[in-house]
């Protein structure tokens, strides 16, 4: 595992057996959190290799309201391809402080948790691998479960 993300696998709610199979690495760095076209094209190519498809699902949370002092985040998904590069750039800039998950096209959003980190853990367990834009928008992580 890489530097500042050492503890991330500990907070995504994996049980001990799965946690021992988990691997995390920084896949791509985005200097100054800028979603530059060439870096996103590299990301699209990597996602195509991981999921075997030109299309994939992106998933993100967006804070929409505050109720009784608690911020409420809604979950959003969209199937995209390389043709949607500008959409991803705009989303990246708009929600720079939040996660974006890159998942298979056939992703099913029915996950029984409202906690973002636990949600990521459930997705990792279900799909054995995923890519994740970090909240600081400086990196995309690749998480994988080894056999």
C-alpha atoms as a PDB file:
ATOM      1  CA  UNK A   1       0.000   0.000   0.000  1.00  0.00           C
ATOM      2  CA  UNK A   2       0.998   3.555  -0.560  1.00  0.00           C
ATOM      3  CA  UNK A   3       1.731   6.356   1.892  1.00  0.00           C
ATOM      4  CA  UNK A   4      -1.239   8.339   3.099  1.00  0.00           C
ATOM      5  CA  UNK A   5      -3.787   5.641   2.227  1.00  0.00           C
ATOM      6  CA  UNK A   6      -2.379   2.971   4.574  1.00  0.00           C
ATOM      7  CA  UNK A   7      -5.405   3.072   6.873  1.00  0.00           C
ATOM      8  CA  UNK A   8      -8.110   3.307   4.219  1.00  0.00           C
ATOM      9  CA  UNK A   9      -8.697  -0.450   4.004  1.00  0.00           C
ATOM     10  CA  UNK A  10      -9.298  -0.449   7.759  1.00  0.00           C
ATOM     11  CA  UNK A  11     -12.190   2.034   7.560  1.00  0.00           C
ATOM     12  CA  UNK A  12     -14.211   0.521   4.704  1.00  0.00           C
ATOM     13  CA  UNK A  13     -15.791  -2.165   6.865  1.00  0.00           C
ATOM     14  CA  UNK A  14     -14.121  -5.318   5.554  1.00  0.00           C
ATOM     15  CA  UNK A  15     -14.167  -8.402   7.740  1.00  0.00           C
ATOM     16  CA  UNK A  16     -10.750  -9.766   8.743  1.00  0.00           C
ATOM     17  CA  UNK A  17     -10.631 -12.540   6.099  1.00  0.00           C
ATOM     18  CA  UNK A  18     -11.456 -10.160   3.260  1.00  0.00           C
ATOM     19  CA  UNK A  19      -9.199  -7.436   4.683  1.00  0.00           C
ATOM     20  CA  UNK A  20      -6.209  -9.779   4.425  1.00  0.00           C
ATOM     21  CA  UNK A  21      -6.928 -10.336   0.711  1.00  0.00           C
ATOM     22  CA  UNK A  22      -7.292  -6.627  -0.027  1.00  0.00           C
ATOM     23  CA  UNK A  23      -4.693  -4.621  -1.891  1.00  0.00           C
ATOM     24  CA  UNK A  24      -4.666  -0.889  -2.548  1.00  0.00           C
ATOM     25  CA  UNK A  25      -2.430   1.169  -4.789  1.00  0.00           C
ATOM     26  CA  UNK A  26      -2.381   4.678  -6.169  1.00  0.00           C
ATOM     27  CA  UNK A  27      -3.177   4.251  -9.839  1.00  0.00           C
ATOM     28  CA  UNK A  28      -2.977   7.805 -11.214  1.00  0.00           C
ATOM     29  CA  UNK A  29      -2.015  11.089  -9.610  1.00  0.00           C
ATOM     30  CA  UNK A  30      -3.784  14.291 -10.610  1.00  0.00           C
ATOM     31  CA  UNK A  31      -1.460  17.206  -9.766  1.00  0.00           C
ATOM     32  CA  UNK A  32      -3.345  20.113  -8.198  1.00  0.00           C
ATOM     33  CA  UNK A  33      -6.515  17.947  -8.367  1.00  0.00           C
ATOM     34  CA  UNK A  34      -6.991  18.951 -12.009  1.00  0.00           C
ATOM     35  CA  UNK A  35      -8.832  16.402 -14.155  1.00  0.00           C
ATOM     36  CA  UNK A  36      -6.661  16.970 -17.228  1.00  0.00           C
ATOM     37  CA  UNK A  37      -7.797  15.322 -20.439  1.00  0.00           C
ATOM     38  CA  UNK A  38      -4.693  13.156 -20.918  1.00  0.00           C
ATOM     39  CA  UNK A  39      -4.921  11.789 -17.376  1.00  0.00           C
ATOM     40  CA  UNK A  40      -8.637  11.029 -17.742  1.00  0.00           C
ATOM     41  CA  UNK A  41      -8.004   9.258 -21.048  1.00  0.00           C
ATOM     42  CA  UNK A  42      -5.433   7.088 -19.246  1.00  0.00           C
ATOM     43  CA  UNK A  43      -8.013   6.423 -16.537  1.00  0.00           C
ATOM     44  CA  UNK A  44     -10.648   5.429 -19.128  1.00  0.00           C
ATOM     45  CA  UNK A  45      -8.180   3.004 -20.727  1.00  0.00           C
ATOM     46  CA  UNK A  46      -7.331   1.452 -17.389  1.00  0.00           C
ATOM     47  CA  UNK A  47     -11.015   1.082 -16.502  1.00  0.00           C
ATOM     48  CA  UNK A  48     -11.635  -0.573 -19.881  1.00  0.00           C
ATOM     49  CA  UNK A  49      -8.872  -3.092 -19.095  1.00  0.00           C
ATOM     50  CA  UNK A  50     -10.219  -3.764 -15.593  1.00  0.00           C
ATOM     51  CA  UNK A  51     -13.901  -4.196 -16.498  1.00  0.00           C
ATOM     52  CA  UNK A  52     -13.560  -5.284 -20.137  1.00  0.00           C
ATOM     53  CA  UNK A  53     -16.033  -2.722 -21.448  1.00  0.00           C
ATOM     54  CA  UNK A  54     -16.014   0.714 -23.064  1.00  0.00           C
ATOM     55  CA  UNK A  55     -18.829   1.723 -20.674  1.00  0.00           C
ATOM     56  CA  UNK A  56     -18.796   1.747 -16.896  1.00  0.00           C
ATOM     57  CA  UNK A  57     -20.757   3.195 -13.989  1.00  0.00           C
ATOM     58  CA  UNK A  58     -19.623   6.171 -11.985  1.00  0.00           C
ATOM     59  CA  UNK A  59     -21.098   6.653  -8.558  1.00  0.00           C
ATOM     60  CA  UNK A  60     -20.855   9.651  -6.262  1.00  0.00           C
ATOM     61  CA  UNK A  61     -22.454  11.252  -3.256  1.00  0.00           C
ATOM     62  CA  UNK A  62     -23.533  14.854  -3.264  1.00  0.00           C
ATOM     63  CA  UNK A  63     -24.531  16.802  -0.197  1.00  0.00           C
ATOM     64  CA  UNK A  64     -27.982  18.183  -0.872  1.00  0.00           C
ATOM     65  CA  UNK A  65     -29.377  19.397   2.436  1.00  0.00           C
ATOM     66  CA  UNK A  66     -28.917  19.792   6.150  1.00  0.00           C
ATOM     67  CA  UNK A  67     -31.541  18.385   8.515  1.00  0.00           C
ATOM     68  CA  UNK A  68     -31.241  18.954  12.269  1.00  0.00           C
ATOM     69  CA  UNK A  69     -27.594  19.879  11.870  1.00  0.00           C
ATOM     70  CA  UNK A  70     -26.762  16.719   9.908  1.00  0.00           C
ATOM     71  CA  UNK A  71     -25.625  16.927   6.292  1.00  0.00           C
ATOM     72  CA  UNK A  72     -27.603  14.650   3.986  1.00  0.00           C
ATOM     73  CA  UNK A  73     -25.855  13.157   0.953  1.00  0.00           C
ATOM     74  CA  UNK A  74     -27.678  11.592  -1.955  1.00  0.00           C
ATOM     75  CA  UNK A  75     -26.231   8.807  -4.077  1.00  0.00           C
ATOM     76  CA  UNK A  76     -26.002   9.321  -7.839  1.00  0.00           C
ATOM     77  CA  UNK A  77     -24.946   6.982 -10.631  1.00  0.00           C
ATOM     78  CA  UNK A  78     -24.395   7.374 -14.345  1.00  0.00           C
ATOM     79  CA  UNK A  79     -23.148   5.028 -17.044  1.00  0.00           C
ATOM     80  CA  UNK A  80     -20.431   6.728 -19.065  1.00  0.00           C
ATOM     81  CA  UNK A  81     -17.821   6.045 -21.724  1.00  0.00           C
ATOM     82  CA  UNK A  82     -14.883   7.935 -23.179  1.00  0.00           C
ATOM     83  CA  UNK A  83     -17.404  10.079 -25.099  1.00  0.00           C
ATOM     84  CA  UNK A  84     -18.465  11.498 -21.700  1.00  0.00           C
ATOM     85  CA  UNK A  85     -15.011  12.810 -20.814  1.00  0.00           C
ATOM     86  CA  UNK A  86     -16.229  16.424 -20.462  1.00  0.00           C
ATOM     87  CA  UNK A  87     -19.046  15.275 -18.172  1.00  0.00           C
ATOM     88  CA  UNK A  88     -16.540  13.517 -15.910  1.00  0.00           C
ATOM     89  CA  UNK A  89     -14.261  16.570 -15.896  1.00  0.00           C
ATOM     90  CA  UNK A  90     -17.146  18.807 -14.825  1.00  0.00           C
ATOM     91  CA  UNK A  91     -18.292  16.381 -12.140  1.00  0.00           C
ATOM     92  CA  UNK A  92     -14.707  15.983 -10.859  1.00  0.00           C
ATOM     93  CA  UNK A  93     -14.405  19.753 -10.445  1.00  0.00           C
ATOM     94  CA  UNK A  94     -17.895  20.190  -8.964  1.00  0.00           C
ATOM     95  CA  UNK A  95     -17.538  17.523  -6.262  1.00  0.00           C
ATOM     96  CA  UNK A  96     -13.801  17.690  -5.700  1.00  0.00           C
ATOM     97  CA  UNK A  97     -14.235  17.014  -1.974  1.00  0.00           C
ATOM     98  CA  UNK A  98     -16.090  13.722  -2.427  1.00  0.00           C
ATOM     99  CA  UNK A  99     -15.455  10.212  -3.701  1.00  0.00           C
ATOM    100  CA  UNK A 100     -16.211   9.024  -7.214  1.00  0.00           C
ATOM    101  CA  UNK A 101     -16.344   5.250  -7.632  1.00  0.00           C
ATOM    102  CA  UNK A 102     -15.687   3.642 -10.998  1.00  0.00           C
ATOM    103  CA  UNK A 103     -17.599   0.364 -11.216  1.00  0.00           C
ATOM    104  CA  UNK A 104     -18.770  -2.123 -13.867  1.00  0.00           C
ATOM    105  CA  UNK A 105     -21.564  -0.975 -16.168  1.00  0.00           C
ATOM    106  CA  UNK A 106     -24.001  -3.504 -14.653  1.00  0.00           C
ATOM    107  CA  UNK A 107     -23.534  -2.091 -11.146  1.00  0.00           C
ATOM    108  CA  UNK A 108     -26.534  -2.463  -8.826  1.00  0.00           C
ATOM    109  CA  UNK A 109     -26.857   0.431  -6.338  1.00  0.00           C
ATOM    110  CA  UNK A 110     -28.866  -1.614  -3.803  1.00  0.00           C
ATOM    111  CA  UNK A 111     -26.364  -1.602  -0.936  1.00  0.00           C
ATOM    112  CA  UNK A 112     -27.561  -1.692   2.667  1.00  0.00           C
ATOM    113  CA  UNK A 113     -25.535   1.130   4.208  1.00  0.00           C
ATOM    114  CA  UNK A 114     -25.597   4.903   4.146  1.00  0.00           C
ATOM    115  CA  UNK A 115     -21.955   5.223   5.211  1.00  0.00           C
ATOM    116  CA  UNK A 116     -19.780   6.086   2.203  1.00  0.00           C
ATOM    117  CA  UNK A 117     -16.709   4.154   3.341  1.00  0.00           C
ATOM    118  CA  UNK A 118     -18.733   1.040   4.222  1.00  0.00           C
ATOM    119  CA  UNK A 119     -20.454   1.329   0.835  1.00  0.00           C
ATOM    120  CA  UNK A 120     -17.021   1.247  -0.822  1.00  0.00           C
ATOM    121  CA  UNK A 121     -16.159  -1.880   1.182  1.00  0.00           C
ATOM    122  CA  UNK A 122     -19.382  -3.614   0.122  1.00  0.00           C
ATOM    123  CA  UNK A 123     -18.670  -2.760  -3.536  1.00  0.00           C
ATOM    124  CA  UNK A 124     -15.114  -4.049  -3.256  1.00  0.00           C
ATOM    125  CA  UNK A 125     -16.374  -7.311  -1.767  1.00  0.00           C
ATOM    126  CA  UNK A 126     -19.054  -7.676  -4.445  1.00  0.00           C
ATOM    127  CA  UNK A 127     -16.912  -6.857  -7.505  1.00  0.00           C
ATOM    128  CA  UNK A 128     -13.418  -7.852  -6.232  1.00  0.00           C
ATOM    129  CA  UNK A 129     -11.974  -4.634  -7.642  1.00  0.00           C
ATOM    130  CA  UNK A 130     -12.854  -0.999  -8.048  1.00  0.00           C
ATOM    131  CA  UNK A 131     -11.317   2.357  -8.806  1.00  0.00           C
ATOM    132  CA  UNK A 132     -11.890   5.365  -6.601  1.00  0.00           C
ATOM    133  CA  UNK A 133     -11.245   9.099  -6.902  1.00  0.00           C
ATOM    134  CA  UNK A 134     -10.082  10.297  -3.524  1.00  0.00           C
ATOM    135  CA  UNK A 135     -11.878  13.173  -1.772  1.00  0.00           C
ATOM    136  CA  UNK A 136      -8.858  15.434  -2.265  1.00  0.00           C
ATOM    137  CA  UNK A 137      -9.153  14.723  -6.038  1.00  0.00           C
ATOM    138  CA  UNK A 138      -5.390  14.264  -6.281  1.00  0.00           C
ATOM    139  CA  UNK A 139      -5.422  10.509  -6.881  1.00  0.00           C
ATOM    140  CA  UNK A 140      -7.354   7.572  -8.223  1.00  0.00           C
ATOM    141  CA  UNK A 141      -6.892   4.430  -6.155  1.00  0.00           C
ATOM    142  CA  UNK A 142      -7.158   0.859  -7.390  1.00  0.00           C
ATOM    143  CA  UNK A 143      -8.564  -1.543  -4.799  1.00  0.00           C
ATOM    144  CA  UNK A 144      -8.488  -5.274  -5.426  1.00  0.00           C
ATOM    145  CA  UNK A 145      -9.143  -8.515  -3.595  1.00  0.00           C
ATOM    146  CA  UNK A 146      -6.475 -11.126  -4.243  1.00  0.00           C
ATOM    147  CA  UNK A 147      -7.528 -14.765  -4.523  1.00  0.00           C
END
